Each structure stands twice: as structure tokens, then as C-alpha cells.
Amino acid sequence: MRSMLSLEPGGPETLALTRQTMPQPGPDEVLLRVRAAGVNFPDTLIIRDLYQVKPPRPFAPGGEVSGEIAAIGEEVSGFVVGDRVLALTGHGGYSTHVIAKAARTVRIPDQMPFDEAACFLFTYETSHYALKDRAQLRQGETLLVLGAAGGVGAAAVELGKAAGARVIAAVSSPEKAKFCRDIGADETIIYPREMNRDAQKQFSDQIKSLTGGEGVDVVYDAVGGDYAEPALRALAWKGRFLVVGFPAGIPRIPLNLTLLKGCQIMGVFWGAAVRREPEGHAENVAELFSLYAAGRIKPRICARYPLERAGEALALLQDRKVLGKVVLTVD
């Protein structure tokens, strides 16, 4: 088998294509022949030792893959060799083959291509868990999505519309704003890449002006940094602020704002929820497949790279140049 391995902490340029011995599945595992691997923001962190999980080196990044089952562990039931599946692997997915826990492996619909399957669960279930289970977004409410043109952000836009919400997409360029309108956003705001105090106030005022001064009911923050506080200031009374990610840095929030607005700040640690709440995870996966079959959600893939160019794919993501999703195709 071949893998793009992280041999030392560093950026995308440190990954190296390496041949390895084919692994064998344990009792509760399956071996997958990988056909596609999703490229996600945690992949840029895990190779720098900046993620919550730090695998021993050498390891391949890649927590989400699709492909065919090549071998099955002795205690696994419900799968046969050749089944088309997607799997959450944590890491190891930037490979031609990978071991996955059977409990985190799901058959995919016949009409779903491998590239879309590899871009499906990580983004859509993160956003579905955030909007449905954490914020309990309701029909008729207003949702603000920060970083709306990225993978989880675009998923949040689509899922917000599917839930019957009015969606405001906040992005950093006119190109990204057009992308968000094309996938269903009702309104867009273009914020500056450098957010000083004047820009923060202007951003907050823009949000409020789109809601008649009332503010938004839910903020989905996949950006962090200096963008978080002005979004929090634009929350409506009893609004919900979802903490999803920090590509712009970990924000410092004045907690007096939560008192003044009667609002809630909610963490969205989807990976932990999958482990702690497996029944809820299974329910959400089924709901997402139903939405996909109905044509209400669809992964928006802006770039495809072969396995050996995984570093380029990661660089595109970390430089915030992605509209939707990037995927590795594995021959």
C-alpha cells in the first residue's frame, strides 16, 4: 500500500509518499480499499501536532474516506467484501488502504459517487449536530454562518435552509459570496481579512441591519479570532452562539455580553459526540442520507487531487482558498 506520511511536525510540504506493508483488520475492524479521501481543516492541524489527537509517527492524515471493503475482522457482521462504504478513521486516510472500526463504517447509497461520499459526514454531520442537536435551530429563525464558503460552513448554509431558516453567509471575498448565494444563502456579508475595532463595529452593524436591528438567532462560528466578538454582539435576545473552529485563532469573549443578551455559547465537538452518543450519530447519518437522496444537500467539490499531491490540497485549504470541499482521488 502507499500512504502520504507525516514523518515530522510541519506543514503540508512535509508529507512524503511512502510504501508500507498491507495491514490486517482486527476483530472489530474492516480493511478499506480507499477510493477517495476528504481534505479537512483538522488534517492541517494534526500534522503540526496542534490537534486534540496526536498519533505516533509516522502516520498519514485523513479522517474521512470512502471506498470498498477489502477484508473483514472475525467479529464483524453486516458487511461483505466489496461493499461501498464511507468511514471515519481519525487519521490514516491519505492512503490506498486503511483500517477502520466497523462501528464507524457506513454503507453509501448506490447513486452516491466516492468523491462525494468522502466529503459527506465530516462536514454535514458536524453542521447537522451543531444546528439540530446543539442550537435546536427552528423554522423561521435567522442563522449567521461565519466562514460560510468552507466545507462545514457551506454545509451549514444548506442545512440551515433545509431547516427553514433565513441564512446570512459571512465570507471574505465577492467570489465566496457568490458561491454562498448559489447554494442557497439569503444574504451575504463580505468581511475584511484584518479585523480591527472599527471593522468589528462595522461588521456587527451590518449583521444587525439585515435583521431590522433585532439580531440573529444563531451564529455558526467556524472562523474564531477577531470575528467572533462582533458576531456575538449581533445576537438576538436568547440567541445561541456555536463554537465550531478557530482558523483565525482562539477568540477572547467578554462574558458580560452573555448576561446582556441572555444568550448561550455552545461548544460543537462533533468527534466526541460520535463516541459518546452513538445512537444520536446513527440517527443524524440517516437523516443526512435522506436529505441527500431528496437533493436538498450535495457536497460542493471545488478541487480534486491525486494522492501524491495531498500537500497541495492541504495548502489550498490552510490558505483559505477553498469554496466548499477538496478531495483526494486514490487510484
Protein backbone atom coordinates (compact mmCIF):
# COMPACT_ATOMS: atom_id res chain seq x y z
CA MET A 1 0.00 0.00 0.00
CA ARG A 2 1.00 3.65 -0.44
CA SER A 3 0.50 6.49 2.05
CA MET A 4 1.28 10.17 2.35
CA LEU A 5 3.02 10.11 5.72
CA SER A 6 3.79 12.80 8.28
CA LEU A 7 7.35 11.98 9.30
CA GLU A 8 7.91 15.10 11.41
CA PRO A 9 5.79 18.02 12.65
CA GLY A 10 5.29 20.62 9.95
CA GLY A 11 3.17 21.96 7.12
CA PRO A 12 1.74 20.26 4.03
CA GLU A 13 5.16 20.24 2.34
CA THR A 14 6.46 17.73 4.93
CA LEU A 15 4.20 14.87 3.75
CA ALA A 16 6.04 12.08 1.93
CA LEU A 17 4.68 9.33 -0.33
CA THR A 18 5.79 6.04 1.23
CA ARG A 19 5.21 2.33 0.63
CA GLN A 20 4.04 0.29 3.63
CA THR A 21 3.08 -3.26 4.50
CA MET A 22 -0.61 -4.01 4.00
CA PRO A 23 -2.39 -4.01 7.39
CA GLN A 24 -4.83 -6.69 8.53
CA PRO A 25 -8.12 -5.87 10.26
CA GLY A 26 -8.59 -6.72 13.92
CA PRO A 27 -11.71 -8.45 15.31
CA ASP A 28 -13.91 -5.31 15.20
CA GLU A 29 -12.32 -3.70 12.14
CA VAL A 30 -12.51 -3.66 8.35
CA LEU A 31 -9.82 -3.00 5.75
CA LEU A 32 -10.84 -0.49 3.10
CA ARG A 33 -9.53 -0.02 -0.41
CA VAL A 34 -9.65 3.78 -0.42
CA ARG A 35 -11.14 5.45 -3.50
CA ALA A 36 -11.36 9.00 -2.16
CA ALA A 37 -10.31 10.90 0.96
CA GLY A 38 -11.81 14.14 2.22
CA VAL A 39 -9.41 17.01 2.97
CA ASN A 40 -10.50 18.71 6.19
CA PHE A 41 -9.11 21.51 8.35
CA PRO A 42 -8.12 19.17 11.23
CA ASP A 43 -5.72 17.50 8.76
CA THR A 44 -3.73 20.75 8.63
CA LEU A 45 -3.51 20.75 12.44
CA ILE A 46 -2.76 17.09 13.12
CA ILE A 47 0.43 17.14 11.01
CA ARG A 48 1.68 20.09 13.08
CA ASP A 49 0.84 18.40 16.41
CA LEU A 50 -1.77 21.11 17.02
CA TYR A 51 -4.84 18.87 17.08
CA GLN A 52 -6.52 17.30 20.13
CA VAL A 53 -5.33 13.87 18.96
CA LYS A 54 -1.59 13.29 18.37
CA PRO A 55 -0.94 9.93 16.67
CA PRO A 56 2.54 8.40 16.94
CA ARG A 57 4.68 8.98 13.86
CA PRO A 58 4.88 8.08 11.14
CA PHE A 59 1.18 8.45 10.32
CA ALA A 60 -0.98 9.58 7.43
CA PRO A 61 -3.53 12.33 7.99
CA GLY A 62 -7.06 11.87 6.69
CA GLY A 63 -10.02 11.24 8.95
CA GLU A 64 -12.71 10.63 6.34
CA VAL A 65 -12.59 8.20 3.41
CA SER A 66 -14.77 6.28 1.00
CA GLY A 67 -14.05 3.06 -0.85
CA GLU A 68 -14.71 -0.67 -0.87
CA ILE A 69 -14.34 -3.21 1.91
CA ALA A 70 -11.30 -5.38 1.13
CA ALA A 71 -11.24 -7.57 4.27
CA ILE A 72 -13.36 -8.05 7.38
CA GLY A 73 -12.41 -8.76 11.00
CA GLU A 74 -13.65 -12.00 12.53
CA GLU A 75 -16.21 -10.40 14.87
CA VAL A 76 -17.68 -8.02 12.28
CA SER A 77 -21.15 -8.64 10.89
CA GLY A 78 -23.34 -6.68 8.50
CA PHE A 79 -20.68 -6.13 5.83
CA VAL A 80 -19.31 -8.19 2.94
CA VAL A 81 -16.17 -7.75 0.88
CA GLY A 82 -16.90 -5.31 -1.94
CA ASP A 83 -19.42 -3.18 -0.06
CA ARG A 84 -19.26 0.53 -0.98
CA VAL A 85 -18.78 2.47 2.24
CA LEU A 86 -17.57 5.64 3.88
CA ALA A 87 -15.67 5.60 7.15
CA LEU A 88 -14.40 7.92 9.85
CA THR A 89 -10.81 6.93 10.57
CA GLY A 90 -9.44 9.77 12.69
CA HIS A 91 -6.23 9.61 10.66
CA GLY A 92 -4.64 7.29 8.10
CA GLY A 93 -6.97 8.10 5.23
CA TYR A 94 -4.36 9.56 2.87
CA SER A 95 -3.54 6.02 1.74
CA THR A 96 -4.53 3.42 -0.79
CA HIS A 97 -5.75 1.22 2.10
CA VAL A 98 -6.77 1.97 5.66
CA ILE A 99 -8.12 0.15 8.70
CA ALA A 100 -11.45 1.43 10.06
CA LYS A 101 -13.60 0.47 13.01
CA ALA A 102 -16.69 -1.34 11.78
CA ALA A 103 -18.82 0.85 14.08
CA ARG A 104 -17.61 3.94 12.21
CA THR A 105 -18.17 2.49 8.76
CA VAL A 106 -21.40 3.13 6.85
CA ARG A 107 -22.70 1.82 3.54
CA ILE A 108 -23.29 4.54 0.98
CA PRO A 109 -26.21 4.78 -1.44
CA ASP A 110 -25.62 3.26 -4.87
CA GLN A 111 -26.14 6.66 -6.53
CA MET A 112 -23.52 8.41 -4.36
CA PRO A 113 -20.10 8.67 -6.07
CA PHE A 114 -16.98 8.02 -4.00
CA ASP A 115 -15.74 11.62 -4.15
CA GLU A 116 -18.99 12.97 -2.71
CA ALA A 117 -19.08 10.21 -0.08
CA ALA A 118 -15.58 11.15 1.11
CA CYS A 119 -16.75 14.74 1.63
CA PHE A 120 -20.02 13.94 3.35
CA LEU A 121 -20.01 13.03 7.03
CA PHE A 122 -17.29 15.24 8.48
CA THR A 123 -18.79 18.49 7.20
CA TYR A 124 -22.50 17.70 7.07
CA GLU A 125 -22.71 15.85 10.35
CA THR A 126 -20.64 18.48 12.15
CA SER A 127 -23.09 21.11 10.93
CA HIS A 128 -26.19 18.94 11.46
CA TYR A 129 -25.11 18.13 15.01
CA ALA A 130 -24.41 21.83 15.61
CA LEU A 131 -27.65 23.20 14.22
CA LYS A 132 -30.03 20.42 15.24
CA ASP A 133 -28.66 18.99 18.49
CA ARG A 134 -26.84 21.98 19.97
CA ALA A 135 -28.65 25.11 18.72
CA GLN A 136 -32.02 23.44 18.01
CA LEU A 137 -32.45 25.77 15.04
CA ARG A 138 -36.14 26.34 14.27
CA GLN A 139 -38.04 27.21 11.13
CA GLY A 140 -38.28 30.97 10.63
CA GLU A 141 -35.18 31.79 12.70
CA THR A 142 -32.18 33.65 11.31
CA LEU A 143 -28.81 31.89 11.10
CA LEU A 144 -25.47 33.66 10.58
CA VAL A 145 -22.65 31.44 9.24
CA LEU A 146 -19.05 32.69 9.57
CA GLY A 147 -16.66 31.12 7.07
CA ALA A 148 -19.69 30.13 5.01
CA ALA A 149 -17.76 29.19 1.85
CA GLY A 150 -15.64 26.50 3.54
CA GLY A 151 -16.57 22.84 3.98
CA VAL A 152 -18.51 22.96 7.26
CA GLY A 153 -19.74 26.49 6.52
CA ALA A 154 -21.26 25.53 3.17
CA ALA A 155 -22.87 22.51 4.82
CA ALA A 156 -24.34 24.81 7.48
CA VAL A 157 -25.80 27.08 4.79
CA GLU A 158 -27.52 24.15 3.07
CA LEU A 159 -28.73 22.57 6.31
CA GLY A 160 -29.95 25.91 7.63
CA LYS A 161 -32.08 26.35 4.52
CA ALA A 162 -33.31 22.74 4.79
CA ALA A 163 -34.43 23.53 8.36
CA GLY A 164 -36.43 26.52 7.13
CA ALA A 165 -34.15 29.24 8.50
CA ARG A 166 -33.16 32.53 6.90
CA VAL A 167 -29.40 32.24 6.27
CA ILE A 168 -26.85 35.06 6.25
CA ALA A 169 -23.47 33.92 4.90
CA ALA A 170 -20.40 35.87 6.04
CA VAL A 171 -17.28 35.45 3.88
CA SER A 172 -14.05 37.21 2.91
CA SER A 173 -14.47 37.83 -0.84
CA PRO A 174 -17.06 38.55 -3.56
CA GLU A 175 -16.26 35.17 -5.15
CA LYS A 176 -17.12 33.39 -1.91
CA ALA A 177 -20.27 35.47 -1.51
CA LYS A 178 -21.49 34.40 -4.98
CA PHE A 179 -20.74 30.76 -4.11
CA CYS A 180 -22.87 31.04 -0.97
CA ARG A 181 -25.77 32.64 -2.83
CA ASP A 182 -25.58 29.83 -5.39
CA ILE A 183 -26.00 27.20 -2.66
CA GLY A 184 -28.96 28.97 -1.08
CA ALA A 185 -27.86 31.79 1.24
CA ASP A 186 -30.49 34.53 1.53
CA GLU A 187 -27.99 37.31 2.29
CA THR A 188 -24.21 37.68 2.24
CA ILE A 189 -21.75 39.90 4.09
CA ILE A 190 -18.13 40.36 3.00
CA TYR A 191 -15.86 40.98 5.97
CA PRO A 192 -12.23 42.20 5.82
CA ARG A 193 -9.32 39.80 6.30
CA GLU A 194 -7.91 42.09 9.01
CA MET A 195 -10.45 42.88 11.71
CA ASN A 196 -9.62 46.00 13.79
CA ARG A 197 -12.07 47.60 16.23
CA ASP A 198 -13.65 49.84 13.58
CA ALA A 199 -14.10 46.88 11.24
CA GLN A 200 -15.60 44.82 14.07
CA LYS A 201 -18.21 47.50 14.74
CA GLN A 202 -19.00 47.82 11.05
CA PHE A 203 -19.37 44.03 10.76
CA SER A 204 -21.71 43.89 13.75
CA ASP A 205 -23.75 46.80 12.40
CA GLN A 206 -24.09 45.06 9.01
CA ILE A 207 -25.47 41.95 10.67
CA LYS A 208 -27.96 43.95 12.73
CA SER A 209 -29.08 45.97 9.70
CA LEU A 210 -30.05 42.74 7.89
CA THR A 211 -32.27 41.77 10.81
CA GLY A 212 -34.02 45.08 11.37
CA GLY A 213 -31.89 45.70 14.44
CA GLU A 214 -33.13 42.56 16.20
CA GLY A 215 -30.01 40.44 15.68
CA VAL A 216 -29.64 36.83 14.58
CA ASP A 217 -30.96 33.84 16.47
CA VAL A 218 -27.98 31.55 15.87
CA VAL A 219 -24.34 32.21 14.99
CA TYR A 220 -22.34 29.33 13.50
CA ASP A 221 -18.70 30.35 14.02
CA ALA A 222 -16.24 28.30 12.01
CA VAL A 223 -13.66 31.13 11.97
CA GLY A 224 -12.97 32.40 15.51
CA GLY A 225 -10.34 35.08 16.09
CA ASP A 226 -11.46 38.71 15.95
CA TYR A 227 -14.60 37.77 14.02
CA ALA A 228 -16.30 36.09 16.97
CA GLU A 229 -16.99 39.07 19.22
CA PRO A 230 -18.80 41.26 16.64
CA ALA A 231 -20.95 38.27 15.68
CA LEU A 232 -21.78 37.65 19.33
CA ARG A 233 -22.72 41.34 19.72
CA ALA A 234 -25.17 40.89 16.84
CA LEU A 235 -27.04 38.04 18.55
CA ALA A 236 -30.72 38.45 19.36
CA TRP A 237 -32.10 38.06 22.88
CA LYS A 238 -31.67 34.42 23.95
CA GLY A 239 -29.57 33.72 20.87
CA ARG A 240 -27.21 30.75 20.53
CA PHE A 241 -23.54 31.06 19.56
CA LEU A 242 -21.97 27.87 18.17
CA VAL A 243 -18.21 27.46 18.62
CA VAL A 244 -17.09 25.28 15.69
CA GLY A 245 -13.47 26.14 14.78
CA PHE A 246 -10.60 28.60 15.06
CA PRO A 247 -8.67 29.05 11.77
CA ALA A 248 -8.35 32.77 12.65
CA GLY A 249 -7.28 32.00 16.23
CA ILE A 250 -8.99 31.36 19.57
CA PRO A 251 -11.15 34.40 20.42
CA ARG A 252 -11.39 36.26 23.72
CA ILE A 253 -15.04 36.88 24.50
CA PRO A 254 -16.32 39.47 27.04
CA LEU A 255 -18.65 37.30 29.09
CA ASN A 256 -20.77 40.28 30.12
CA LEU A 257 -22.30 40.01 26.63
CA THR A 258 -23.89 36.69 27.56
CA LEU A 259 -25.61 38.37 30.51
CA LEU A 260 -26.81 41.37 28.50
CA LYS A 261 -28.25 39.19 25.74
CA GLY A 262 -29.39 36.22 27.80
CA CYS A 263 -27.56 34.14 25.21
CA GLN A 264 -25.75 30.81 25.21
CA ILE A 265 -22.27 29.94 23.93
CA MET A 266 -22.19 26.28 22.88
CA GLY A 267 -19.21 24.12 22.02
CA VAL A 268 -19.51 21.85 18.98
CA PHE A 269 -17.16 18.88 19.47
CA TRP A 270 -18.73 16.53 16.97
CA GLY A 271 -16.00 13.88 17.21
CA ALA A 272 -16.62 13.46 20.92
CA ALA A 273 -20.37 13.33 20.34
CA VAL A 274 -19.92 10.45 17.89
CA ARG A 275 -18.11 8.44 20.58
CA ARG A 276 -20.36 9.42 23.48
CA GLU A 277 -23.73 9.41 21.71
CA PRO A 278 -23.63 6.65 19.06
CA GLU A 279 -27.42 6.41 18.77
CA GLY A 280 -27.70 10.12 18.03
CA HIS A 281 -24.88 9.79 15.50
CA ALA A 282 -26.71 6.96 13.69
CA GLU A 283 -29.93 8.98 13.65
CA ASN A 284 -28.17 12.02 12.19
CA VAL A 285 -26.45 9.93 9.48
CA ALA A 286 -29.81 8.50 8.41
CA GLU A 287 -31.33 11.99 8.26
CA LEU A 288 -28.44 13.27 6.16
CA PHE A 289 -28.72 10.42 3.66
CA SER A 290 -32.46 11.23 3.34
CA LEU A 291 -31.67 14.89 2.66
CA TYR A 292 -29.05 13.83 0.09
CA ALA A 293 -31.49 11.48 -1.66
CA ALA A 294 -34.05 14.30 -1.81
CA GLY A 295 -31.48 16.62 -3.43
CA ARG A 296 -31.54 19.11 -0.55
CA ILE A 297 -27.83 18.77 0.25
CA LYS A 298 -24.90 17.93 -2.03
CA PRO A 299 -21.14 18.19 -1.38
CA ARG A 300 -19.68 21.07 -3.40
CA ILE A 301 -16.28 19.88 -4.58
CA CYS A 302 -14.06 22.67 -5.93
CA ALA A 303 -10.86 20.66 -6.47
CA ARG A 304 -9.69 17.07 -6.80
CA TYR A 305 -6.07 15.99 -6.35
CA PRO A 306 -4.34 12.63 -6.70
CA LEU A 307 -2.93 11.08 -3.52
CA GLU A 308 0.65 12.12 -4.25
CA ARG A 309 -0.42 15.80 -4.37
CA ALA A 310 -2.04 15.75 -0.93
CA GLY A 311 0.30 18.52 0.24
CA GLU A 312 -1.04 20.87 -2.42
CA ALA A 313 -4.61 20.07 -1.39
CA LEU A 314 -3.84 20.85 2.26
CA ALA A 315 -2.07 24.09 1.33
CA LEU A 316 -5.15 25.22 -0.60
CA LEU A 317 -7.27 24.58 2.48
CA GLN A 318 -5.00 26.25 5.03
CA ASP A 319 -4.67 29.34 2.80
CA ARG A 320 -8.49 29.70 2.91
CA LYS A 321 -8.84 29.48 -0.86
CA VAL A 322 -11.41 26.69 -0.86
CA LEU A 323 -15.02 27.02 -1.98
CA GLY A 324 -16.79 24.02 -0.49
CA LYS A 325 -14.66 20.88 -0.39
CA VAL A 326 -11.34 19.46 -1.63
CA VAL A 327 -10.94 15.72 -2.15
CA LEU A 328 -8.11 13.29 -2.87
CA THR A 329 -8.83 10.65 -5.50
CA VAL A 330 -6.95 7.40 -4.95
CA ASP A 331 -6.17 5.06 -7.87
